[in-house]
Amino acid sequence: MSSLEKLKALLENEIMPDLEHAIDSIFQTIEREKTISLGEKEELSTLQEMHRECREMLIEIESNEMDEEEAKELLTELMDIMSE
């Protein structure tokens, strides 16, 4: 499996679903408590930005704008982040 395929699978099957779950959780808290703290607001903004960046990576992969070397570097970075 190429680095592009591995990166795409990681984004689609692990990272994006985790981000979506975290974003949904914050929205559920907001709905339940009818308010949002500054920390939650910042976390929500950060999570949404990360989700956007993941979508952009998927678009680059699917449109063949990302090469194998860039995918390998991103994959390594993401795996390092996930292992922390």
N, C-alpha and C. Protein backbone atom coordinates (compact mmCIF):
# COMPACT_ATOMS: atom_id res chain seq x y z
N MET A 1 0.85 -1.18 0.00
CA MET A 1 0.00 0.00 0.00
C MET A 1 0.90 1.24 0.00
N SER A 2 0.61 2.17 -0.87
CA SER A 2 1.42 3.39 -0.97
C SER A 2 1.16 4.32 0.21
N SER A 3 2.05 5.27 0.39
CA SER A 3 1.88 6.26 1.46
C SER A 3 0.61 7.08 1.22
N LEU A 4 0.30 7.37 -0.04
CA LEU A 4 -0.93 8.10 -0.35
C LEU A 4 -2.15 7.32 0.12
N GLU A 5 -2.17 6.02 -0.15
CA GLU A 5 -3.31 5.19 0.25
C GLU A 5 -3.38 5.07 1.77
N LYS A 6 -2.23 4.94 2.42
CA LYS A 6 -2.21 4.84 3.88
C LYS A 6 -2.69 6.14 4.52
N LEU A 7 -2.23 7.27 3.98
CA LEU A 7 -2.64 8.57 4.51
C LEU A 7 -4.14 8.76 4.33
N LYS A 8 -4.64 8.43 3.16
CA LYS A 8 -6.08 8.57 2.90
C LYS A 8 -6.88 7.70 3.86
N ALA A 9 -6.46 6.47 4.06
CA ALA A 9 -7.17 5.56 4.96
C ALA A 9 -7.12 6.08 6.40
N LEU A 10 -5.97 6.57 6.83
CA LEU A 10 -5.84 7.10 8.18
C LEU A 10 -6.76 8.30 8.38
N LEU A 11 -6.78 9.20 7.41
CA LEU A 11 -7.65 10.37 7.50
C LEU A 11 -9.12 9.97 7.53
N GLU A 12 -9.53 9.11 6.61
CA GLU A 12 -10.93 8.74 6.49
C GLU A 12 -11.43 7.84 7.61
N ASN A 13 -10.58 6.93 8.09
CA ASN A 13 -11.04 5.92 9.02
C ASN A 13 -10.75 6.20 10.49
N GLU A 14 -9.79 7.09 10.76
CA GLU A 14 -9.44 7.35 12.15
C GLU A 14 -9.51 8.82 12.53
N ILE A 15 -8.73 9.63 11.85
CA ILE A 15 -8.57 11.02 12.29
C ILE A 15 -9.87 11.82 12.13
N MET A 16 -10.45 11.81 10.95
CA MET A 16 -11.65 12.61 10.73
C MET A 16 -12.82 12.13 11.59
N PRO A 17 -13.07 10.82 11.70
CA PRO A 17 -14.16 10.40 12.61
C PRO A 17 -13.91 10.82 14.06
N ASP A 18 -12.66 10.75 14.52
CA ASP A 18 -12.35 11.20 15.88
C ASP A 18 -12.61 12.69 16.05
N LEU A 19 -12.20 13.48 15.05
CA LEU A 19 -12.46 14.92 15.11
C LEU A 19 -13.95 15.21 15.10
N GLU A 20 -14.69 14.52 14.24
CA GLU A 20 -16.13 14.73 14.16
C GLU A 20 -16.81 14.36 15.48
N HIS A 21 -16.35 13.29 16.11
CA HIS A 21 -16.91 12.89 17.40
C HIS A 21 -16.65 13.97 18.45
N ALA A 22 -15.43 14.49 18.49
CA ALA A 22 -15.08 15.53 19.46
C ALA A 22 -15.89 16.80 19.22
N ILE A 23 -16.05 17.18 17.96
CA ILE A 23 -16.85 18.37 17.61
C ILE A 23 -18.30 18.17 18.03
N ASP A 24 -18.86 17.00 17.72
CA ASP A 24 -20.24 16.70 18.11
C ASP A 24 -20.41 16.74 19.62
N SER A 25 -19.43 16.25 20.34
CA SER A 25 -19.48 16.24 21.80
C SER A 25 -19.56 17.65 22.35
N ILE A 26 -18.77 18.55 21.78
CA ILE A 26 -18.81 19.95 22.23
C ILE A 26 -20.17 20.56 21.93
N PHE A 27 -20.72 20.29 20.74
CA PHE A 27 -22.03 20.83 20.40
C PHE A 27 -23.11 20.26 21.32
N GLN A 28 -22.99 19.01 21.72
CA GLN A 28 -23.95 18.41 22.66
C GLN A 28 -23.86 19.10 24.02
N THR A 29 -22.65 19.41 24.44
CA THR A 29 -22.47 20.13 25.71
C THR A 29 -23.09 21.52 25.62
N ILE A 30 -22.88 22.19 24.51
CA ILE A 30 -23.46 23.53 24.32
C ILE A 30 -24.98 23.45 24.37
N GLU A 31 -25.54 22.45 23.68
CA GLU A 31 -26.99 22.30 23.65
C GLU A 31 -27.54 22.00 25.04
N ARG A 32 -26.85 21.16 25.78
CA ARG A 32 -27.30 20.77 27.11
C ARG A 32 -27.18 21.92 28.11
N GLU A 33 -26.05 22.63 28.06
CA GLU A 33 -25.79 23.68 29.04
C GLU A 33 -26.22 25.07 28.57
N LYS A 34 -26.57 25.19 27.31
CA LYS A 34 -27.02 26.46 26.71
C LYS A 34 -25.96 27.55 26.80
N THR A 35 -24.70 27.14 26.93
CA THR A 35 -23.60 28.10 26.99
C THR A 35 -22.32 27.40 26.56
N ILE A 36 -21.30 28.20 26.31
CA ILE A 36 -20.00 27.64 25.92
C ILE A 36 -18.92 28.46 26.61
N SER A 37 -17.97 27.76 27.20
CA SER A 37 -16.86 28.45 27.86
C SER A 37 -15.85 28.90 26.80
N LEU A 38 -14.98 29.79 27.20
CA LEU A 38 -13.95 30.26 26.29
C LEU A 38 -13.05 29.11 25.85
N GLY A 39 -12.72 28.23 26.78
CA GLY A 39 -11.88 27.07 26.46
C GLY A 39 -12.55 26.15 25.45
N GLU A 40 -13.85 25.90 25.64
CA GLU A 40 -14.58 25.06 24.70
C GLU A 40 -14.67 25.72 23.33
N LYS A 41 -14.84 27.03 23.34
CA LYS A 41 -14.92 27.77 22.08
C LYS A 41 -13.61 27.66 21.32
N GLU A 42 -12.50 27.81 22.02
CA GLU A 42 -11.18 27.70 21.39
C GLU A 42 -10.93 26.27 20.90
N GLU A 43 -11.31 25.28 21.73
CA GLU A 43 -11.14 23.88 21.34
C GLU A 43 -11.98 23.56 20.10
N LEU A 44 -13.22 24.04 20.07
CA LEU A 44 -14.09 23.82 18.92
C LEU A 44 -13.48 24.43 17.67
N SER A 45 -12.97 25.64 17.78
CA SER A 45 -12.35 26.31 16.64
C SER A 45 -11.14 25.52 16.14
N THR A 46 -10.31 25.05 17.07
CA THR A 46 -9.13 24.26 16.71
C THR A 46 -9.52 22.96 16.02
N LEU A 47 -10.49 22.26 16.58
CA LEU A 47 -10.94 20.99 16.01
C LEU A 47 -11.53 21.19 14.61
N GLN A 48 -12.31 22.26 14.44
CA GLN A 48 -12.90 22.53 13.12
C GLN A 48 -11.82 22.86 12.10
N GLU A 49 -10.79 23.59 12.50
CA GLU A 49 -9.68 23.90 11.60
C GLU A 49 -8.92 22.63 11.21
N MET A 50 -8.69 21.76 12.19
CA MET A 50 -8.02 20.49 11.90
C MET A 50 -8.84 19.66 10.92
N HIS A 51 -10.16 19.65 11.09
CA HIS A 51 -11.04 18.90 10.20
C HIS A 51 -10.97 19.47 8.78
N ARG A 52 -10.95 20.79 8.66
CA ARG A 52 -10.82 21.44 7.35
C ARG A 52 -9.51 21.05 6.68
N GLU A 53 -8.43 21.05 7.46
CA GLU A 53 -7.12 20.69 6.91
C GLU A 53 -7.11 19.23 6.44
N CYS A 54 -7.75 18.36 7.18
CA CYS A 54 -7.85 16.95 6.76
C CYS A 54 -8.62 16.82 5.45
N ARG A 55 -9.73 17.55 5.35
CA ARG A 55 -10.51 17.53 4.10
C ARG A 55 -9.67 18.02 2.93
N GLU A 56 -8.89 19.07 3.17
CA GLU A 56 -8.04 19.61 2.11
C GLU A 56 -6.99 18.57 1.69
N MET A 57 -6.44 17.84 2.66
CA MET A 57 -5.48 16.79 2.32
C MET A 57 -6.14 15.71 1.47
N LEU A 58 -7.36 15.33 1.82
CA LEU A 58 -8.07 14.32 1.04
C LEU A 58 -8.33 14.81 -0.38
N ILE A 59 -8.69 16.06 -0.52
CA ILE A 59 -8.92 16.63 -1.84
C ILE A 59 -7.63 16.59 -2.66
N GLU A 60 -6.51 16.94 -2.02
CA GLU A 60 -5.22 16.90 -2.73
C GLU A 60 -4.87 15.47 -3.16
N ILE A 61 -5.14 14.52 -2.29
CA ILE A 61 -4.86 13.12 -2.62
C ILE A 61 -5.73 12.67 -3.80
N GLU A 62 -7.01 12.94 -3.71
CA GLU A 62 -7.94 12.48 -4.74
C GLU A 62 -7.76 13.18 -6.08
N SER A 63 -7.24 14.40 -6.06
CA SER A 63 -7.02 15.12 -7.32
C SER A 63 -5.58 14.99 -7.81
N ASN A 64 -4.85 14.07 -7.19
CA ASN A 64 -3.45 13.80 -7.57
C ASN A 64 -2.53 15.01 -7.45
N GLU A 65 -2.84 15.92 -6.54
CA GLU A 65 -2.00 17.09 -6.30
C GLU A 65 -0.93 16.82 -5.26
N MET A 66 -1.06 15.70 -4.54
CA MET A 66 -0.08 15.35 -3.51
C MET A 66 0.78 14.20 -4.04
N ASP A 67 2.09 14.35 -3.88
CA ASP A 67 2.97 13.28 -4.33
C ASP A 67 3.25 12.30 -3.18
N GLU A 68 3.86 11.21 -3.53
CA GLU A 68 4.14 10.13 -2.58
C GLU A 68 5.03 10.61 -1.42
N GLU A 69 6.02 11.43 -1.72
CA GLU A 69 6.95 11.91 -0.69
C GLU A 69 6.23 12.80 0.33
N GLU A 70 5.38 13.71 -0.14
CA GLU A 70 4.63 14.58 0.76
C GLU A 70 3.70 13.75 1.63
N ALA A 71 3.05 12.75 1.02
CA ALA A 71 2.15 11.87 1.77
C ALA A 71 2.91 11.12 2.85
N LYS A 72 4.11 10.66 2.52
CA LYS A 72 4.93 9.92 3.48
C LYS A 72 5.28 10.81 4.67
N GLU A 73 5.67 12.06 4.40
CA GLU A 73 6.01 13.00 5.47
C GLU A 73 4.81 13.29 6.36
N LEU A 74 3.65 13.55 5.75
CA LEU A 74 2.44 13.82 6.51
C LEU A 74 2.03 12.61 7.34
N LEU A 75 2.12 11.45 6.75
CA LEU A 75 1.79 10.21 7.44
C LEU A 75 2.67 10.02 8.67
N THR A 76 3.95 10.28 8.52
CA THR A 76 4.89 10.15 9.64
C THR A 76 4.54 11.14 10.74
N GLU A 77 4.26 12.38 10.37
CA GLU A 77 3.89 13.41 11.34
C GLU A 77 2.62 13.03 12.08
N LEU A 78 1.61 12.59 11.35
CA LEU A 78 0.34 12.24 11.98
C LEU A 78 0.49 11.03 12.91
N MET A 79 1.28 10.06 12.50
CA MET A 79 1.49 8.89 13.34
C MET A 79 2.23 9.28 14.63
N ASP A 80 3.19 10.20 14.52
CA ASP A 80 3.90 10.68 15.70
C ASP A 80 2.94 11.40 16.66
N ILE A 81 2.08 12.23 16.11
CA ILE A 81 1.11 12.96 16.92
C ILE A 81 0.16 11.99 17.61
N MET A 82 -0.30 11.00 16.89
CA MET A 82 -1.25 10.03 17.45
C MET A 82 -0.62 9.17 18.53
N SER A 83 0.68 8.93 18.45
CA SER A 83 1.33 8.07 19.44
C SER A 83 1.66 8.81 20.74
N GLU A 84 1.54 10.13 20.74
CA GLU A 84 1.84 10.90 21.95
C GLU A 84 0.71 10.85 22.94
